[in-house]
PDB file of N, CA and C in Angstrom:
ATOM      1  N   UNK A   1     152.724  56.135 -21.733  1.00  0.00           N
ATOM      2  CA  UNK A   1     152.498  57.532 -21.463  1.00  0.00           C
ATOM      3  C   UNK A   1     153.779  58.303 -21.816  1.00  0.00           C
ATOM      4  N   UNK A   2     153.693  59.183 -22.767  1.00  0.00           N
ATOM      5  CA  UNK A   2     154.854  59.890 -23.285  1.00  0.00           C
ATOM      6  C   UNK A   2     155.475  60.851 -22.270  1.00  0.00           C
ATOM      7  N   UNK A   3     154.680  61.625 -21.571  1.00  0.00           N
ATOM      8  CA  UNK A   3     155.183  62.662 -20.696  1.00  0.00           C
ATOM      9  C   UNK A   3     155.028  62.318 -19.223  1.00  0.00           C
ATOM     10  N   UNK A   4     155.301  61.092 -18.875  1.00  0.00           N
ATOM     11  CA  UNK A   4     155.216  60.655 -17.493  1.00  0.00           C
ATOM     12  C   UNK A   4     156.312  61.353 -16.670  1.00  0.00           C
ATOM     13  N   UNK A   5     155.943  61.954 -15.534  1.00  0.00           N
ATOM     14  CA  UNK A   5     156.976  62.585 -14.702  1.00  0.00           C
ATOM     15  C   UNK A   5     158.005  61.564 -14.225  1.00  0.00           C
ATOM     16  N   UNK A   6     159.238  61.982 -14.251  1.00  0.00           N
ATOM     17  CA  UNK A   6     160.331  61.152 -13.767  1.00  0.00           C
ATOM     18  C   UNK A   6     161.224  62.009 -12.882  1.00  0.00           C
ATOM     19  N   UNK A   7     162.292  61.438 -12.395  1.00  0.00           N
ATOM     20  CA  UNK A   7     163.207  62.139 -11.503  1.00  0.00           C
ATOM     21  C   UNK A   7     164.344  62.752 -12.318  1.00  0.00           C
ATOM     22  N   UNK A   8     164.627  64.016 -12.041  1.00  0.00           N
ATOM     23  CA  UNK A   8     165.726  64.712 -12.691  1.00  0.00           C
ATOM     24  C   UNK A   8     166.600  65.374 -11.639  1.00  0.00           C
ATOM     25  N   UNK A   9     167.909  65.302 -11.860  1.00  0.00           N
ATOM     26  CA  UNK A   9     168.880  65.927 -10.969  1.00  0.00           C
ATOM     27  C   UNK A   9     169.504  67.119 -11.675  1.00  0.00           C
ATOM     28  N   UNK A  10     169.540  68.246 -10.982  1.00  0.00           N
ATOM     29  CA  UNK A  10     170.240  69.420 -11.513  1.00  0.00           C
ATOM     30  C   UNK A  10     171.691  69.295 -11.074  1.00  0.00           C
ATOM     31  N   UNK A  11     172.596  69.441 -12.032  1.00  0.00           N
ATOM     32  CA  UNK A  11     174.011  69.309 -11.703  1.00  0.00           C
ATOM     33  C   UNK A  11     174.766  70.596 -12.016  1.00  0.00           C
ATOM     34  N   UNK A  12     175.717  70.901 -11.167  1.00  0.00           N
ATOM     35  CA  UNK A  12     176.649  72.005 -11.368  1.00  0.00           C
ATOM     36  C   UNK A  12     178.036  71.455 -11.102  1.00  0.00           C
ATOM     37  N   UNK A  13     178.909  71.557 -12.093  1.00  0.00           N
ATOM     38  CA  UNK A  13     180.265  70.989 -11.989  1.00  0.00           C
ATOM     39  C   UNK A  13     180.216  69.510 -11.606  1.00  0.00           C
ATOM     40  N   UNK A  14     179.235  68.793 -12.168  1.00  0.00           N
ATOM     41  CA  UNK A  14     179.010  67.357 -11.939  1.00  0.00           C
ATOM     42  C   UNK A  14     178.620  67.008 -10.513  1.00  0.00           C
ATOM     43  N   UNK A  15     178.144  67.982  -9.747  1.00  0.00           N
ATOM     44  CA  UNK A  15     177.639  67.745  -8.393  1.00  0.00           C
ATOM     45  C   UNK A  15     176.134  68.021  -8.399  1.00  0.00           C
ATOM     46  N   UNK A  16     175.355  67.115  -7.797  1.00  0.00           N
ATOM     47  CA  UNK A  16     173.904  67.276  -7.739  1.00  0.00           C
ATOM     48  C   UNK A  16     173.551  68.365  -6.724  1.00  0.00           C
ATOM     49  N   UNK A  17     172.772  69.351  -7.192  1.00  0.00           N
ATOM     50  CA  UNK A  17     172.348  70.439  -6.314  1.00  0.00           C
ATOM     51  C   UNK A  17     170.838  70.438  -6.073  1.00  0.00           C
ATOM     52  N   UNK A  18     170.068  69.730  -6.889  1.00  0.00           N
ATOM     53  CA  UNK A  18     168.617  69.614  -6.735  1.00  0.00           C
ATOM     54  C   UNK A  18     168.149  68.322  -7.367  1.00  0.00           C
ATOM     55  N   UNK A  19     167.041  67.791  -6.874  1.00  0.00           N
ATOM     56  CA  UNK A  19     166.376  66.650  -7.502  1.00  0.00           C
ATOM     57  C   UNK A  19     164.885  66.967  -7.515  1.00  0.00           C
ATOM     58  N   UNK A  20     164.251  66.844  -8.688  1.00  0.00           N
ATOM     59  CA  UNK A  20     162.827  67.145  -8.836  1.00  0.00           C
ATOM     60  C   UNK A  20     162.121  66.019  -9.579  1.00  0.00           C
ATOM     61  N   UNK A  21     160.823  65.887  -9.337  1.00  0.00           N
ATOM     62  CA  UNK A  21     159.961  65.001 -10.120  1.00  0.00           C
ATOM     63  C   UNK A  21     159.267  65.894 -11.142  1.00  0.00           C
ATOM     64  N   UNK A  22     159.568  65.670 -12.416  1.00  0.00           N
ATOM     65  CA  UNK A  22     159.094  66.556 -13.475  1.00  0.00           C
ATOM     66  C   UNK A  22     159.263  65.831 -14.813  1.00  0.00           C
ATOM     67  N   UNK A  23     158.651  66.344 -15.859  1.00  0.00           N
ATOM     68  CA  UNK A  23     158.865  65.770 -17.187  1.00  0.00           C
ATOM     69  C   UNK A  23     159.966  66.545 -17.907  1.00  0.00           C
ATOM     70  N   UNK A  24     160.632  65.888 -18.827  1.00  0.00           N
ATOM     71  CA  UNK A  24     161.643  66.566 -19.648  1.00  0.00           C
ATOM     72  C   UNK A  24     160.999  67.708 -20.419  1.00  0.00           C
ATOM     73  N   UNK A  25     159.794  67.488 -20.895  1.00  0.00           N
ATOM     74  CA  UNK A  25     159.079  68.523 -21.640  1.00  0.00           C
ATOM     75  C   UNK A  25     158.883  69.780 -20.786  1.00  0.00           C
ATOM     76  N   UNK A  26     158.494  69.601 -19.527  1.00  0.00           N
ATOM     77  CA  UNK A  26     158.278  70.752 -18.643  1.00  0.00           C
ATOM     78  C   UNK A  26     159.584  71.497 -18.386  1.00  0.00           C
ATOM     79  N   UNK A  27     160.674  70.769 -18.195  1.00  0.00           N
ATOM     80  CA  UNK A  27     161.983  71.403 -18.029  1.00  0.00           C
ATOM     81  C   UNK A  27     162.315  72.234 -19.266  1.00  0.00           C
ATOM     82  N   UNK A  28     162.124  71.644 -20.441  1.00  0.00           N
ATOM     83  CA  UNK A  28     162.444  72.327 -21.695  1.00  0.00           C
ATOM     84  C   UNK A  28     161.591  73.574 -21.906  1.00  0.00           C
ATOM     85  N   UNK A  29     160.328  73.516 -21.490  1.00  0.00           N
ATOM     86  CA  UNK A  29     159.405  74.636 -21.701  1.00  0.00           C
ATOM     87  C   UNK A  29     159.536  75.726 -20.644  1.00  0.00           C
ATOM     88  N   UNK A  30     160.276  75.474 -19.569  1.00  0.00           N
ATOM     89  CA  UNK A  30     160.383  76.419 -18.463  1.00  0.00           C
ATOM     90  C   UNK A  30     161.836  76.642 -18.044  1.00  0.00           C
ATOM     91  N   UNK A  31     162.657  77.143 -18.962  1.00  0.00           N
ATOM     92  CA  UNK A  31     164.071  77.307 -18.638  1.00  0.00           C
ATOM     93  C   UNK A  31     164.331  78.288 -17.495  1.00  0.00           C
ATOM     94  N   UNK A  32     163.412  79.217 -17.274  1.00  0.00           N
ATOM     95  CA  UNK A  32     163.594  80.149 -16.162  1.00  0.00           C
ATOM     96  C   UNK A  32     163.402  79.460 -14.806  1.00  0.00           C
ATOM     97  N   UNK A  33     162.602  78.413 -14.766  1.00  0.00           N
ATOM     98  CA  UNK A  33     162.396  77.645 -13.529  1.00  0.00           C
ATOM     99  C   UNK A  33     163.411  76.524 -13.381  1.00  0.00           C
ATOM    100  N   UNK A  34     163.961  76.074 -14.500  1.00  0.00           N
ATOM    101  CA  UNK A  34     164.904  74.958 -14.511  1.00  0.00           C
ATOM    102  C   UNK A  34     166.171  75.335 -15.273  1.00  0.00           C
ATOM    103  N   UNK A  35     166.924  76.301 -14.748  1.00  0.00           N
ATOM    104  CA  UNK A  35     168.152  76.703 -15.438  1.00  0.00           C
ATOM    105  C   UNK A  35     169.243  75.647 -15.269  1.00  0.00           C
ATOM    106  N   UNK A  36     170.220  75.702 -16.123  1.00  0.00           N
ATOM    107  CA  UNK A  36     171.370  74.813 -15.993  1.00  0.00           C
ATOM    108  C   UNK A  36     171.132  73.455 -16.604  1.00  0.00           C
ATOM    109  N   UNK A  37     171.857  72.484 -16.089  1.00  0.00           N
ATOM    110  CA  UNK A  37     171.852  71.129 -16.635  1.00  0.00           C
ATOM    111  C   UNK A  37     171.040  70.199 -15.738  1.00  0.00           C
ATOM    112  N   UNK A  38     170.096  69.496 -16.344  1.00  0.00           N
ATOM    113  CA  UNK A  38     169.258  68.523 -15.647  1.00  0.00           C
ATOM    114  C   UNK A  38     169.462  67.158 -16.290  1.00  0.00           C
ATOM    115  N   UNK A  39     169.678  66.141 -15.462  1.00  0.00           N
ATOM    116  CA  UNK A  39     169.949  64.788 -15.933  1.00  0.00           C
ATOM    117  C   UNK A  39     168.949  63.845 -15.273  1.00  0.00           C
ATOM    118  N   UNK A  40     168.373  62.954 -16.059  1.00  0.00           N
ATOM    119  CA  UNK A  40     167.422  61.994 -15.495  1.00  0.00           C
ATOM    120  C   UNK A  40     168.138  61.043 -14.541  1.00  0.00           C
ATOM    121  N   UNK A  41     167.489  60.763 -13.415  1.00  0.00           N
ATOM    122  CA  UNK A  41     167.991  59.796 -12.451  1.00  0.00           C
ATOM    123  C   UNK A  41     166.877  58.797 -12.169  1.00  0.00           C
ATOM    124  N   UNK A  42     167.245  57.597 -11.803  1.00  0.00           N
ATOM    125  CA  UNK A  42     166.266  56.511 -11.708  1.00  0.00           C
ATOM    126  C   UNK A  42     166.227  55.941 -10.301  1.00  0.00           C
ATOM    127  N   UNK A  43     165.036  55.880  -9.744  1.00  0.00           N
ATOM    128  CA  UNK A  43     164.869  55.351  -8.395  1.00  0.00           C
ATOM    129  C   UNK A  43     164.610  53.840  -8.416  1.00  0.00           C
ATOM    130  N   UNK A  44     164.214  53.310  -9.572  1.00  0.00           N
ATOM    131  CA  UNK A  44     163.774  51.916  -9.642  1.00  0.00           C
ATOM    132  C   UNK A  44     164.573  51.046 -10.608  1.00  0.00           C
ATOM    133  N   UNK A  45     165.816  51.439 -10.896  1.00  0.00           N
ATOM    134  CA  UNK A  45     166.657  50.626 -11.783  1.00  0.00           C
ATOM    135  C   UNK A  45     167.874  50.140 -11.016  1.00  0.00           C
ATOM    136  N   UNK A  46     168.070  48.831 -11.020  1.00  0.00           N
ATOM    137  CA  UNK A  46     169.189  48.257 -10.269  1.00  0.00           C
ATOM    138  C   UNK A  46     170.539  48.569 -10.895  1.00  0.00           C
ATOM    139  N   UNK A  47     170.551  48.965 -12.172  1.00  0.00           N
ATOM    140  CA  UNK A  47     171.816  49.262 -12.840  1.00  0.00           C
ATOM    141  C   UNK A  47     172.192  50.746 -12.783  1.00  0.00           C
ATOM    142  N   UNK A  48     171.387  51.559 -12.103  1.00  0.00           N
ATOM    143  CA  UNK A  48     171.654  52.996 -11.972  1.00  0.00           C
ATOM    144  C   UNK A  48     171.531  53.405 -10.506  1.00  0.00           C
ATOM    145  N   UNK A  49     172.268  54.440 -10.139  1.00  0.00           N
ATOM    146  CA  UNK A  49     172.221  54.968  -8.773  1.00  0.00           C
ATOM    147  C   UNK A  49     171.319  56.188  -8.752  1.00  0.00           C
ATOM    148  N   UNK A  50     170.357  56.201  -7.828  1.00  0.00           N
ATOM    149  CA  UNK A  50     169.474  57.345  -7.683  1.00  0.00           C
ATOM    150  C   UNK A  50     170.271  58.515  -7.115  1.00  0.00           C
ATOM    151  N   UNK A  51     170.147  59.679  -7.713  1.00  0.00           N
ATOM    152  CA  UNK A  51     170.920  60.852  -7.304  1.00  0.00           C
ATOM    153  C   UNK A  51     170.343  61.491  -6.046  1.00  0.00           C
ATOM    154  N   UNK A  52     171.225  61.907  -5.186  1.00  0.00           N
ATOM    155  CA  UNK A  52     170.862  62.691  -4.016  1.00  0.00           C
ATOM    156  C   UNK A  52     171.685  63.962  -4.022  1.00  0.00           C
ATOM    157  N   UNK A  53     171.267  64.943  -3.255  1.00  0.00           N
ATOM    158  CA  UNK A  53     172.012  66.192  -3.157  1.00  0.00           C
ATOM    159  C   UNK A  53     173.453  65.870  -2.745  1.00  0.00           C
ATOM    160  N   UNK A  54     174.410  66.422  -3.472  1.00  0.00           N
ATOM    161  CA  UNK A  54     175.818  66.189  -3.188  1.00  0.00           C
ATOM    162  C   UNK A  54     176.428  65.016  -3.935  1.00  0.00           C
ATOM    163  N   UNK A  55     175.598  64.202  -4.569  1.00  0.00           N
ATOM    164  CA  UNK A  55     176.132  63.079  -5.342  1.00  0.00           C
ATOM    165  C   UNK A  55     176.918  63.600  -6.542  1.00  0.00           C
ATOM    166  N   UNK A  56     177.766  62.750  -7.080  1.00  0.00           N
ATOM    167  CA  UNK A  56     178.627  63.123  -8.191  1.00  0.00           C
ATOM    168  C   UNK A  56     178.114  62.448  -9.461  1.00  0.00           C
ATOM    169  N   UNK A  57     177.973  63.233 -10.527  1.00  0.00           N
ATOM    170  CA  UNK A  57     177.514  62.727 -11.814  1.00  0.00           C
ATOM    171  C   UNK A  57     178.708  62.407 -12.700  1.00  0.00           C
ATOM    172  N   UNK A  58     178.676  61.214 -13.306  1.00  0.00           N
ATOM    173  CA  UNK A  58     179.707  60.800 -14.252  1.00  0.00           C
ATOM    174  C   UNK A  58     179.075  60.782 -15.642  1.00  0.00           C
ATOM    175  N   UNK A  59     179.430  61.744 -16.504  1.00  0.00           N
ATOM    176  CA  UNK A  59     178.810  61.786 -17.828  1.00  0.00           C
ATOM    177  C   UNK A  59     179.199  60.620 -18.734  1.00  0.00           C
ATOM    178  N   UNK A  60     180.297  59.953 -18.455  1.00  0.00           N
ATOM    179  CA  UNK A  60     180.719  58.811 -19.278  1.00  0.00           C
ATOM    180  C   UNK A  60     179.802  57.616 -19.028  1.00  0.00           C
ATOM    181  N   UNK A  61     179.501  57.343 -17.761  1.00  0.00           N
ATOM    182  CA  UNK A  61     178.622  56.220 -17.431  1.00  0.00           C
ATOM    183  C   UNK A  61     177.160  56.633 -17.338  1.00  0.00           C
ATOM    184  N   UNK A  62     176.908  57.961 -17.374  1.00  0.00           N
ATOM    185  CA  UNK A  62     175.566  58.506 -17.202  1.00  0.00           C
ATOM    186  C   UNK A  62     174.943  57.981 -15.912  1.00  0.00           C
ATOM    187  N   UNK A  63     175.727  58.051 -14.837  1.00  0.00           N
ATOM    188  CA  UNK A  63     175.287  57.542 -13.539  1.00  0.00           C
ATOM    189  C   UNK A  63     175.835  58.447 -12.437  1.00  0.00           C
ATOM    190  N   UNK A  64     175.339  58.218 -11.237  1.00  0.00           N
ATOM    191  CA  UNK A  64     175.710  59.016 -10.075  1.00  0.00           C
ATOM    192  C   UNK A  64     176.399  58.135  -9.054  1.00  0.00           C
ATOM    193  N   UNK A  65     177.234  58.756  -8.217  1.00  0.00           N
ATOM    194  CA  UNK A  65     177.860  58.034  -7.118  1.00  0.00           C
ATOM    195  C   UNK A  65     177.812  58.905  -5.874  1.00  0.00           C
ATOM    196  N   UNK A  66     177.861  58.235  -4.731  1.00  0.00           N
ATOM    197  CA  UNK A  66     177.859  58.963  -3.460  1.00  0.00           C
ATOM    198  C   UNK A  66     179.146  59.745  -3.330  1.00  0.00           C
ATOM    199  N   UNK A  67     179.080  60.904  -2.672  1.00  0.00           N
ATOM    200  CA  UNK A  67     180.314  61.656  -2.461  1.00  0.00           C
ATOM    201  C   UNK A  67     181.217  60.935  -1.463  1.00  0.00           C
ATOM    202  N   UNK A  68     182.511  61.100  -1.637  1.00  0.00           N
ATOM    203  CA  UNK A  68     183.479  60.520  -0.700  1.00  0.00           C
ATOM    204  C   UNK A  68     183.563  61.438   0.506  1.00  0.00           C
ATOM    205  N   UNK A  69     183.078  60.972   1.650  1.00  0.00           N
ATOM    206  CA  UNK A  69     183.049  61.828   2.844  1.00  0.00           C
ATOM    207  C   UNK A  69     184.158  61.484   3.827  1.00  0.00           C
ATOM    208  N   UNK A  70     185.130  60.685   3.388  1.00  0.00           N
ATOM    209  CA  UNK A  70     186.203  60.314   4.308  1.00  0.00           C
ATOM    210  C   UNK A  70     187.256  61.376   4.417  1.00  0.00           C
TER     211      UNK A  70
END
């Protein structure tokens, strides 16, 4: 299925501010509803971290990490 909905994280300054279930095509066709930068995140891959609000995005590894709350 080409346009299967997946998880996307909206990032601002490499910090996750939203997570939605949507297709890349829908994001591309609706820039007024999905402004800014959206990055795919994976809930079912052991080699990737699922993004949550406040998580940090690393564009080099194309992955997310939990924020340091210490």
